[in-house]
Amino acid sequence: VSDILERSLSFTVDAYDFDGTMVSAIKDSEIVDRGVARVRYVPYFSGEGDQERVTDAKVTCEHVLWRDFRRGPGRFWGEVPWIAFRHYLSKDELTKLVADTQPPIDIEAIPFNYSSDGTSSDRAKDAKADVFKRAMVWEAWAKDEKSVLFICQDYRERVLKAEDDPLQL
């Protein structure tokens, strides 16, 4: 697995702007003392049941703005129990995220209080079109439970989505 990840990272360094991602993380680290780069692993499967196999995989590295990252308490990285990433999702993106949750979530009940840049729109009669409104969703990875939770702080009814060990680590 480590050889596969190493080769994938070597390929992706050439396939996208890896240097730009690292420069952004370094600048954040210099300015606010927190530079975050996130590595995403996306496997592609074929077959079904016992015959299901990984046929392809994509590894990318992306810059995470320092204010869109949180972590649990810990003196060093091994003690940190969870990390979270903030996303501003459009109505279509949120619909896709919660498509397979049971019982279904009413998207209309979720407030879309933010613009695409993360600024709050407190005015009830905002001039912006619905297309530009976003819901703030936190993607929280819990290490001990090996789960990922998607939480909208403006929607207090329940967790939007919960996944058990999505990377099967």
N, C-alpha and C. Protein backbone atom coordinates (compact mmCIF):
# COMPACT_ATOMS: atom_id res chain seq x y z
N VAL A 1 0.83 -1.18 0.00
CA VAL A 1 0.00 0.00 0.00
C VAL A 1 0.87 1.25 0.00
N SER A 2 1.95 1.22 0.78
CA SER A 2 2.81 2.41 0.83
C SER A 2 3.48 2.66 -0.52
N ASP A 3 3.85 1.59 -1.24
CA ASP A 3 4.43 1.76 -2.58
C ASP A 3 3.42 2.38 -3.54
N ILE A 4 2.18 1.92 -3.45
CA ILE A 4 1.12 2.45 -4.31
C ILE A 4 0.91 3.93 -4.02
N LEU A 5 0.83 4.29 -2.73
CA LEU A 5 0.65 5.69 -2.37
C LEU A 5 1.83 6.55 -2.80
N GLU A 6 3.05 6.02 -2.65
CA GLU A 6 4.23 6.77 -3.06
C GLU A 6 4.22 7.02 -4.57
N ARG A 7 3.91 6.00 -5.35
CA ARG A 7 3.85 6.16 -6.81
C ARG A 7 2.73 7.11 -7.22
N SER A 8 1.59 7.00 -6.53
CA SER A 8 0.47 7.89 -6.83
C SER A 8 0.83 9.34 -6.53
N LEU A 9 1.48 9.56 -5.39
CA LEU A 9 1.90 10.93 -5.06
C LEU A 9 2.93 11.45 -6.05
N SER A 10 3.85 10.61 -6.46
CA SER A 10 4.86 11.03 -7.45
C SER A 10 4.19 11.45 -8.76
N PHE A 11 3.18 10.69 -9.16
CA PHE A 11 2.45 11.02 -10.39
C PHE A 11 1.66 12.32 -10.22
N THR A 12 0.97 12.45 -9.10
CA THR A 12 0.11 13.61 -8.93
C THR A 12 0.88 14.90 -8.74
N VAL A 13 2.12 14.82 -8.27
CA VAL A 13 2.94 16.02 -8.19
C VAL A 13 3.08 16.65 -9.57
N ASP A 14 3.14 15.81 -10.59
CA ASP A 14 3.24 16.30 -11.96
C ASP A 14 1.87 16.59 -12.57
N ALA A 15 0.81 15.99 -12.05
CA ALA A 15 -0.50 16.07 -12.68
C ALA A 15 -1.29 17.33 -12.29
N TYR A 16 -0.96 17.99 -11.19
CA TYR A 16 -1.66 19.21 -10.78
C TYR A 16 -0.67 20.13 -10.07
N ASP A 17 -1.14 21.25 -9.58
CA ASP A 17 -0.28 22.28 -9.00
C ASP A 17 0.07 21.96 -7.54
N PHE A 18 0.89 20.95 -7.34
CA PHE A 18 1.32 20.56 -6.01
C PHE A 18 2.12 21.69 -5.35
N ASP A 19 2.99 22.33 -6.13
CA ASP A 19 3.80 23.42 -5.58
C ASP A 19 2.93 24.57 -5.08
N GLY A 20 1.88 24.89 -5.81
CA GLY A 20 0.96 25.95 -5.39
C GLY A 20 0.27 25.61 -4.08
N THR A 21 -0.10 24.34 -3.92
CA THR A 21 -0.73 23.88 -2.68
C THR A 21 0.23 24.03 -1.51
N MET A 22 1.47 23.62 -1.69
CA MET A 22 2.46 23.70 -0.62
C MET A 22 2.83 25.15 -0.30
N VAL A 23 2.94 26.00 -1.31
CA VAL A 23 3.25 27.41 -1.07
C VAL A 23 2.13 28.05 -0.24
N SER A 24 0.87 27.73 -0.56
CA SER A 24 -0.26 28.27 0.20
C SER A 24 -0.22 27.79 1.65
N ALA A 25 0.08 26.52 1.86
CA ALA A 25 0.15 25.98 3.23
C ALA A 25 1.31 26.62 4.01
N ILE A 26 2.44 26.83 3.36
CA ILE A 26 3.59 27.46 4.02
C ILE A 26 3.28 28.91 4.39
N LYS A 27 2.61 29.64 3.48
CA LYS A 27 2.26 31.03 3.79
C LYS A 27 1.30 31.10 4.97
N ASP A 28 0.31 30.21 5.00
CA ASP A 28 -0.59 30.16 6.15
C ASP A 28 0.18 29.86 7.43
N SER A 29 1.13 28.96 7.35
CA SER A 29 1.93 28.60 8.51
C SER A 29 2.76 29.78 9.01
N GLU A 30 3.29 30.55 8.09
CA GLU A 30 4.10 31.72 8.47
C GLU A 30 3.25 32.84 9.05
N ILE A 31 2.04 33.02 8.51
CA ILE A 31 1.21 34.16 8.92
C ILE A 31 0.41 33.85 10.19
N VAL A 32 -0.28 32.72 10.23
CA VAL A 32 -1.16 32.43 11.37
C VAL A 32 -0.75 31.18 12.14
N ASP A 33 0.41 30.62 11.81
CA ASP A 33 0.96 29.48 12.51
C ASP A 33 0.14 28.20 12.33
N ARG A 34 -0.60 28.11 11.23
CA ARG A 34 -1.30 26.87 10.93
C ARG A 34 -1.43 26.74 9.41
N GLY A 35 -0.63 25.86 8.85
CA GLY A 35 -0.71 25.56 7.43
C GLY A 35 -1.19 24.14 7.25
N VAL A 36 -2.27 23.96 6.50
CA VAL A 36 -2.88 22.64 6.37
C VAL A 36 -2.97 22.27 4.89
N ALA A 37 -2.44 21.10 4.57
CA ALA A 37 -2.62 20.51 3.25
C ALA A 37 -3.26 19.15 3.46
N ARG A 38 -4.31 18.88 2.75
CA ARG A 38 -5.08 17.65 2.92
C ARG A 38 -4.82 16.71 1.75
N VAL A 39 -4.52 15.47 2.08
CA VAL A 39 -4.33 14.46 1.04
C VAL A 39 -5.63 13.67 0.91
N ARG A 40 -6.16 13.61 -0.29
CA ARG A 40 -7.39 12.85 -0.55
C ARG A 40 -7.05 11.60 -1.35
N TYR A 41 -7.58 10.49 -0.89
CA TYR A 41 -7.44 9.21 -1.60
C TYR A 41 -8.83 8.80 -2.06
N VAL A 42 -8.99 8.65 -3.36
CA VAL A 42 -10.28 8.26 -3.93
C VAL A 42 -10.10 6.96 -4.69
N PRO A 43 -10.57 5.83 -4.15
CA PRO A 43 -10.47 4.56 -4.86
C PRO A 43 -11.67 4.37 -5.80
N TYR A 44 -11.44 3.68 -6.90
CA TYR A 44 -12.51 3.33 -7.84
C TYR A 44 -12.61 1.81 -7.87
N PHE A 45 -13.81 1.31 -7.65
CA PHE A 45 -14.04 -0.12 -7.52
C PHE A 45 -14.76 -0.68 -8.74
N SER A 46 -14.56 -1.98 -8.97
CA SER A 46 -15.35 -2.71 -9.97
C SER A 46 -15.69 -4.07 -9.38
N GLY A 47 -16.73 -4.68 -9.92
CA GLY A 47 -17.18 -5.97 -9.40
C GLY A 47 -18.15 -5.76 -8.25
N GLU A 48 -18.69 -6.86 -7.75
CA GLU A 48 -19.66 -6.80 -6.66
C GLU A 48 -19.37 -7.88 -5.64
N GLY A 49 -19.77 -7.61 -4.40
CA GLY A 49 -19.62 -8.61 -3.34
C GLY A 49 -18.17 -8.95 -3.08
N ASP A 50 -17.88 -10.28 -3.05
CA ASP A 50 -16.51 -10.74 -2.80
C ASP A 50 -15.58 -10.44 -3.97
N GLN A 51 -16.14 -10.19 -5.13
CA GLN A 51 -15.34 -9.92 -6.33
C GLN A 51 -14.99 -8.44 -6.50
N GLU A 52 -15.43 -7.61 -5.57
CA GLU A 52 -15.17 -6.18 -5.68
C GLU A 52 -13.68 -5.90 -5.44
N ARG A 53 -13.07 -5.18 -6.36
CA ARG A 53 -11.65 -4.87 -6.30
C ARG A 53 -11.41 -3.41 -6.66
N VAL A 54 -10.33 -2.85 -6.14
CA VAL A 54 -9.93 -1.50 -6.52
C VAL A 54 -9.29 -1.58 -7.89
N THR A 55 -9.88 -0.89 -8.86
CA THR A 55 -9.34 -0.90 -10.22
C THR A 55 -8.50 0.32 -10.53
N ASP A 56 -8.76 1.41 -9.81
CA ASP A 56 -8.01 2.63 -10.03
C ASP A 56 -8.09 3.46 -8.75
N ALA A 57 -7.16 4.36 -8.58
CA ALA A 57 -7.17 5.22 -7.40
C ALA A 57 -6.59 6.57 -7.78
N LYS A 58 -7.07 7.58 -7.10
CA LYS A 58 -6.60 8.94 -7.34
C LYS A 58 -6.17 9.54 -6.01
N VAL A 59 -4.98 10.10 -5.96
CA VAL A 59 -4.47 10.75 -4.76
C VAL A 59 -4.17 12.20 -5.12
N THR A 60 -4.79 13.12 -4.39
CA THR A 60 -4.53 14.53 -4.63
C THR A 60 -4.25 15.21 -3.30
N CYS A 61 -3.59 16.33 -3.38
CA CYS A 61 -3.27 17.13 -2.21
C CYS A 61 -3.91 18.50 -2.43
N GLU A 62 -4.61 18.98 -1.41
CA GLU A 62 -5.28 20.27 -1.56
C GLU A 62 -5.02 21.15 -0.33
N HIS A 63 -4.95 22.43 -0.59
CA HIS A 63 -4.76 23.40 0.50
C HIS A 63 -6.08 23.58 1.24
N VAL A 64 -6.01 23.62 2.57
CA VAL A 64 -7.17 23.90 3.40
C VAL A 64 -6.89 25.21 4.12
N LEU A 65 -7.77 26.17 3.95
CA LEU A 65 -7.59 27.46 4.60
C LEU A 65 -7.55 27.26 6.11
N TRP A 66 -6.65 27.93 6.79
CA TRP A 66 -6.43 27.71 8.22
C TRP A 66 -7.71 27.86 9.04
N ARG A 67 -8.61 28.75 8.65
CA ARG A 67 -9.83 28.94 9.45
C ARG A 67 -10.88 27.87 9.17
N ASP A 68 -10.64 27.03 8.18
CA ASP A 68 -11.59 25.95 7.86
C ASP A 68 -11.13 24.60 8.41
N PHE A 69 -10.21 24.62 9.35
CA PHE A 69 -9.68 23.39 9.95
C PHE A 69 -9.77 23.48 11.47
N ARG A 70 -10.22 22.40 12.08
CA ARG A 70 -10.25 22.30 13.54
C ARG A 70 -9.71 20.93 13.93
N ARG A 71 -9.22 20.84 15.16
CA ARG A 71 -8.76 19.55 15.68
C ARG A 71 -9.08 19.46 17.15
N GLY A 72 -9.18 18.23 17.62
CA GLY A 72 -9.44 18.00 19.04
C GLY A 72 -8.20 18.26 19.86
N PRO A 73 -8.33 18.22 21.19
CA PRO A 73 -7.19 18.50 22.06
C PRO A 73 -6.15 17.40 22.03
N GLY A 74 -4.91 17.78 22.11
CA GLY A 74 -3.81 16.82 22.14
C GLY A 74 -2.48 17.54 22.17
N ARG A 75 -1.53 17.01 22.91
CA ARG A 75 -0.20 17.64 23.00
C ARG A 75 0.60 17.39 21.74
N PHE A 76 0.35 16.28 21.07
CA PHE A 76 1.01 15.95 19.81
C PHE A 76 0.00 15.22 18.93
N TRP A 77 0.36 15.03 17.66
CA TRP A 77 -0.59 14.55 16.67
C TRP A 77 -1.20 13.19 17.03
N GLY A 78 -0.45 12.31 17.64
CA GLY A 78 -0.97 10.99 18.01
C GLY A 78 -2.08 11.04 19.04
N GLU A 79 -2.15 12.10 19.84
CA GLU A 79 -3.20 12.24 20.85
C GLU A 79 -4.47 12.91 20.32
N VAL A 80 -4.42 13.52 19.16
CA VAL A 80 -5.57 14.25 18.64
C VAL A 80 -6.69 13.27 18.30
N PRO A 81 -7.87 13.39 18.95
CA PRO A 81 -8.94 12.41 18.74
C PRO A 81 -9.77 12.63 17.49
N TRP A 82 -9.81 13.85 16.97
CA TRP A 82 -10.62 14.14 15.79
C TRP A 82 -10.07 15.38 15.08
N ILE A 83 -10.41 15.47 13.79
CA ILE A 83 -10.12 16.66 13.00
C ILE A 83 -11.38 16.98 12.19
N ALA A 84 -11.52 18.24 11.81
CA ALA A 84 -12.70 18.63 11.06
C ALA A 84 -12.34 19.66 10.00
N PHE A 85 -13.05 19.58 8.88
CA PHE A 85 -12.88 20.50 7.77
C PHE A 85 -14.22 21.17 7.48
N ARG A 86 -14.20 22.49 7.29
CA ARG A 86 -15.43 23.23 7.00
C ARG A 86 -15.62 23.35 5.49
N HIS A 87 -16.87 23.14 5.06
CA HIS A 87 -17.25 23.29 3.66
C HIS A 87 -18.46 24.21 3.57
N TYR A 88 -18.54 24.98 2.51
CA TYR A 88 -19.73 25.76 2.20
C TYR A 88 -20.37 25.11 0.99
N LEU A 89 -21.46 24.40 1.21
CA LEU A 89 -22.08 23.58 0.17
C LEU A 89 -23.32 24.25 -0.42
N SER A 90 -23.43 24.16 -1.74
CA SER A 90 -24.63 24.65 -2.41
C SER A 90 -25.77 23.65 -2.19
N LYS A 91 -26.94 24.01 -2.62
CA LYS A 91 -28.09 23.13 -2.45
C LYS A 91 -27.89 21.82 -3.20
N ASP A 92 -27.33 21.88 -4.40
CA ASP A 92 -27.07 20.66 -5.19
C ASP A 92 -26.03 19.78 -4.52
N GLU A 93 -24.95 20.39 -4.02
CA GLU A 93 -23.90 19.62 -3.34
C GLU A 93 -24.43 18.96 -2.08
N LEU A 94 -25.26 19.68 -1.33
CA LEU A 94 -25.82 19.13 -0.10
C LEU A 94 -26.82 18.01 -0.40
N THR A 95 -27.60 18.18 -1.45
CA THR A 95 -28.55 17.14 -1.87
C THR A 95 -27.80 15.86 -2.22
N LYS A 96 -26.69 15.99 -2.94
CA LYS A 96 -25.87 14.84 -3.31
C LYS A 96 -25.26 14.17 -2.06
N LEU A 97 -24.84 14.98 -1.09
CA LEU A 97 -24.23 14.46 0.13
C LEU A 97 -25.20 13.61 0.93
N VAL A 98 -26.43 14.06 1.07
CA VAL A 98 -27.40 13.37 1.93
C VAL A 98 -28.36 12.47 1.15
N ALA A 99 -28.04 12.18 -0.10
CA ALA A 99 -28.95 11.43 -0.97
C ALA A 99 -29.31 10.06 -0.41
N ASP A 100 -28.38 9.36 0.22
CA ASP A 100 -28.65 7.99 0.65
C ASP A 100 -28.85 7.85 2.16
N THR A 101 -29.09 8.96 2.87
CA THR A 101 -29.30 8.87 4.32
C THR A 101 -30.71 8.38 4.63
N GLN A 102 -30.81 7.62 5.70
CA GLN A 102 -32.11 7.08 6.13
C GLN A 102 -32.35 7.47 7.58
N PRO A 103 -33.48 8.00 7.95
CA PRO A 103 -34.54 8.50 7.09
C PRO A 103 -34.07 9.73 6.32
N PRO A 104 -34.72 10.01 5.19
CA PRO A 104 -34.28 11.13 4.34
C PRO A 104 -34.32 12.46 5.07
N ILE A 105 -33.45 13.36 4.67
CA ILE A 105 -33.38 14.70 5.26
C ILE A 105 -34.07 15.67 4.31
N ASP A 106 -34.90 16.52 4.87
CA ASP A 106 -35.57 17.56 4.09
C ASP A 106 -34.59 18.71 3.88
N ILE A 107 -34.12 18.86 2.67
CA ILE A 107 -33.13 19.90 2.35
C ILE A 107 -33.70 21.30 2.62
N GLU A 108 -35.00 21.45 2.43
CA GLU A 108 -35.63 22.77 2.64
C GLU A 108 -35.54 23.21 4.11
N ALA A 109 -35.37 22.29 5.04
CA ALA A 109 -35.28 22.62 6.46
C ALA A 109 -33.88 23.10 6.86
N ILE A 110 -32.91 22.92 5.98
CA ILE A 110 -31.53 23.33 6.27
C ILE A 110 -31.34 24.77 5.81
N PRO A 111 -30.92 25.65 6.72
CA PRO A 111 -30.73 27.05 6.34
C PRO A 111 -29.46 27.24 5.50
N PHE A 112 -29.61 28.00 4.43
CA PHE A 112 -28.48 28.37 3.58
C PHE A 112 -28.16 29.83 3.90
N ASN A 113 -27.33 30.04 4.93
CA ASN A 113 -27.08 31.36 5.50
C ASN A 113 -25.78 32.01 5.05
N TYR A 114 -25.05 31.38 4.15
CA TYR A 114 -23.72 31.88 3.83
C TYR A 114 -23.57 32.07 2.33
N SER A 115 -22.64 32.93 1.96
CA SER A 115 -22.29 33.08 0.56
C SER A 115 -21.14 32.12 0.26
N SER A 116 -20.73 32.04 -0.98
CA SER A 116 -19.69 31.09 -1.36
C SER A 116 -18.34 31.41 -0.73
N ASP A 117 -18.12 32.64 -0.29
CA ASP A 117 -16.86 32.98 0.37
C ASP A 117 -16.93 32.81 1.88
N GLY A 118 -18.08 32.33 2.41
CA GLY A 118 -18.20 32.05 3.83
C GLY A 118 -18.75 33.18 4.67
N THR A 119 -19.09 34.32 4.04
CA THR A 119 -19.64 35.42 4.82
C THR A 119 -21.11 35.15 5.10
N SER A 120 -21.53 35.53 6.29
CA SER A 120 -22.90 35.31 6.74
C SER A 120 -23.83 36.33 6.11
N SER A 121 -25.02 35.90 5.74
CA SER A 121 -26.04 36.82 5.23
C SER A 121 -27.18 36.84 6.23
N ASP A 122 -27.12 37.77 7.18
CA ASP A 122 -28.10 37.85 8.25
C ASP A 122 -29.41 38.50 7.81
N ARG A 123 -29.36 39.27 6.75
CA ARG A 123 -30.57 39.96 6.31
C ARG A 123 -31.57 38.96 5.74
N ALA A 124 -32.80 39.05 6.16
CA ALA A 124 -33.84 38.12 5.70
C ALA A 124 -34.11 38.30 4.21
N LYS A 125 -34.06 39.52 3.74
CA LYS A 125 -34.35 39.77 2.33
C LYS A 125 -33.06 40.09 1.61
N ASP A 126 -32.20 39.12 1.54
CA ASP A 126 -30.90 39.29 0.89
C ASP A 126 -31.12 39.35 -0.62
N ALA A 127 -30.38 40.22 -1.28
CA ALA A 127 -30.55 40.40 -2.72
C ALA A 127 -29.91 39.28 -3.53
N LYS A 128 -29.10 38.47 -2.90
CA LYS A 128 -28.40 37.42 -3.63
C LYS A 128 -29.37 36.32 -4.05
N ALA A 129 -29.11 35.74 -5.19
CA ALA A 129 -29.94 34.64 -5.69
C ALA A 129 -29.66 33.38 -4.88
N ASP A 130 -30.61 32.48 -4.85
CA ASP A 130 -30.46 31.22 -4.13
C ASP A 130 -29.29 30.40 -4.63
N VAL A 131 -28.91 30.60 -5.86
CA VAL A 131 -27.80 29.84 -6.46
C VAL A 131 -26.51 30.09 -5.70
N PHE A 132 -26.33 31.28 -5.15
CA PHE A 132 -25.10 31.65 -4.49
C PHE A 132 -25.10 31.36 -2.99
N LYS A 133 -26.23 30.99 -2.44
CA LYS A 133 -26.31 30.73 -1.00
C LYS A 133 -25.75 29.35 -0.68
N ARG A 134 -25.12 29.25 0.49
CA ARG A 134 -24.46 28.02 0.90
C ARG A 134 -24.85 27.65 2.33
N ALA A 135 -24.72 26.36 2.63
CA ALA A 135 -24.88 25.86 4.00
C ALA A 135 -23.49 25.51 4.52
N MET A 136 -23.20 25.90 5.77
CA MET A 136 -21.91 25.58 6.35
C MET A 136 -21.98 24.18 6.95
N VAL A 137 -21.13 23.27 6.44
CA VAL A 137 -21.11 21.88 6.88
C VAL A 137 -19.69 21.53 7.32
N TRP A 138 -19.61 20.91 8.50
CA TRP A 138 -18.31 20.43 9.00
C TRP A 138 -18.19 18.94 8.72
N GLU A 139 -17.06 18.54 8.17
CA GLU A 139 -16.73 17.13 7.93
C GLU A 139 -15.75 16.73 9.03
N ALA A 140 -16.23 15.95 10.01
CA ALA A 140 -15.42 15.60 11.18
C ALA A 140 -15.00 14.14 11.11
N TRP A 141 -13.69 13.90 11.21
CA TRP A 141 -13.12 12.56 11.19
C TRP A 141 -12.75 12.19 12.62
N ALA A 142 -13.42 11.18 13.18
CA ALA A 142 -13.14 10.72 14.54
C ALA A 142 -12.21 9.51 14.48
N LYS A 143 -11.04 9.64 15.10
CA LYS A 143 -10.03 8.60 15.00
C LYS A 143 -10.42 7.33 15.75
N ASP A 144 -10.86 7.46 16.99
CA ASP A 144 -11.18 6.27 17.80
C ASP A 144 -12.39 5.51 17.27
N GLU A 145 -13.41 6.23 16.82
CA GLU A 145 -14.62 5.59 16.31
C GLU A 145 -14.47 5.16 14.85
N LYS A 146 -13.41 5.63 14.19
CA LYS A 146 -13.18 5.36 12.77
C LYS A 146 -14.43 5.69 11.95
N SER A 147 -14.88 6.93 12.11
CA SER A 147 -16.07 7.36 11.40
C SER A 147 -15.92 8.80 10.94
N VAL A 148 -16.77 9.18 10.00
CA VAL A 148 -16.82 10.54 9.49
C VAL A 148 -18.24 11.04 9.67
N LEU A 149 -18.37 12.21 10.27
CA LEU A 149 -19.67 12.83 10.48
C LEU A 149 -19.73 14.13 9.70
N PHE A 150 -20.86 14.37 9.06
CA PHE A 150 -21.12 15.64 8.38
C PHE A 150 -22.17 16.37 9.19
N ILE A 151 -21.81 17.54 9.73
CA ILE A 151 -22.65 18.26 10.67
C ILE A 151 -22.87 19.68 10.17
N CYS A 152 -24.12 20.12 10.22
CA CYS A 152 -24.45 21.51 9.91
C CYS A 152 -24.86 22.17 11.22
N GLN A 153 -24.10 23.16 11.66
CA GLN A 153 -24.38 23.77 12.96
C GLN A 153 -25.68 24.55 12.96
N ASP A 154 -26.20 24.93 11.81
CA ASP A 154 -27.47 25.65 11.74
C ASP A 154 -28.67 24.71 11.64
N TYR A 155 -28.41 23.40 11.52
CA TYR A 155 -29.47 22.39 11.45
C TYR A 155 -29.26 21.46 12.64
N ARG A 156 -30.03 21.62 13.68
CA ARG A 156 -29.78 20.92 14.93
C ARG A 156 -30.63 19.67 15.10
N GLU A 157 -31.36 19.28 14.07
CA GLU A 157 -32.22 18.11 14.18
C GLU A 157 -31.41 16.81 14.32
N ARG A 158 -30.37 16.70 13.51
CA ARG A 158 -29.56 15.48 13.51
C ARG A 158 -28.30 15.68 12.68
N VAL A 159 -27.45 14.68 12.71
CA VAL A 159 -26.25 14.66 11.87
C VAL A 159 -26.70 14.48 10.42
N LEU A 160 -26.10 15.22 9.50
CA LEU A 160 -26.49 15.11 8.10
C LEU A 160 -26.16 13.74 7.52
N LYS A 161 -24.95 13.25 7.83
CA LYS A 161 -24.50 11.97 7.29
C LYS A 161 -23.43 11.40 8.20
N ALA A 162 -23.46 10.09 8.37
CA ALA A 162 -22.43 9.41 9.16
C ALA A 162 -21.91 8.23 8.33
N GLU A 163 -20.60 8.13 8.20
CA GLU A 163 -19.97 7.03 7.46
C GLU A 163 -19.04 6.28 8.41
N ASP A 164 -19.14 4.97 8.40
CA ASP A 164 -18.25 4.15 9.21
C ASP A 164 -17.02 3.77 8.41
N ASP A 165 -15.86 4.22 8.86
CA ASP A 165 -14.55 3.89 8.27
C ASP A 165 -14.57 3.91 6.74
N PRO A 166 -14.77 5.07 6.12
CA PRO A 166 -14.89 5.13 4.66
C PRO A 166 -13.64 4.67 3.91
N LEU A 167 -12.47 4.81 4.51
CA LEU A 167 -11.23 4.38 3.86
C LEU A 167 -10.81 2.98 4.29
N GLN A 168 -11.58 2.38 5.16
CA GLN A 168 -11.32 1.03 5.68
C GLN A 168 -9.90 0.91 6.20
N LEU A 169 -9.54 1.88 7.02
CA LEU A 169 -8.22 1.85 7.66
C LEU A 169 -8.32 1.01 8.90
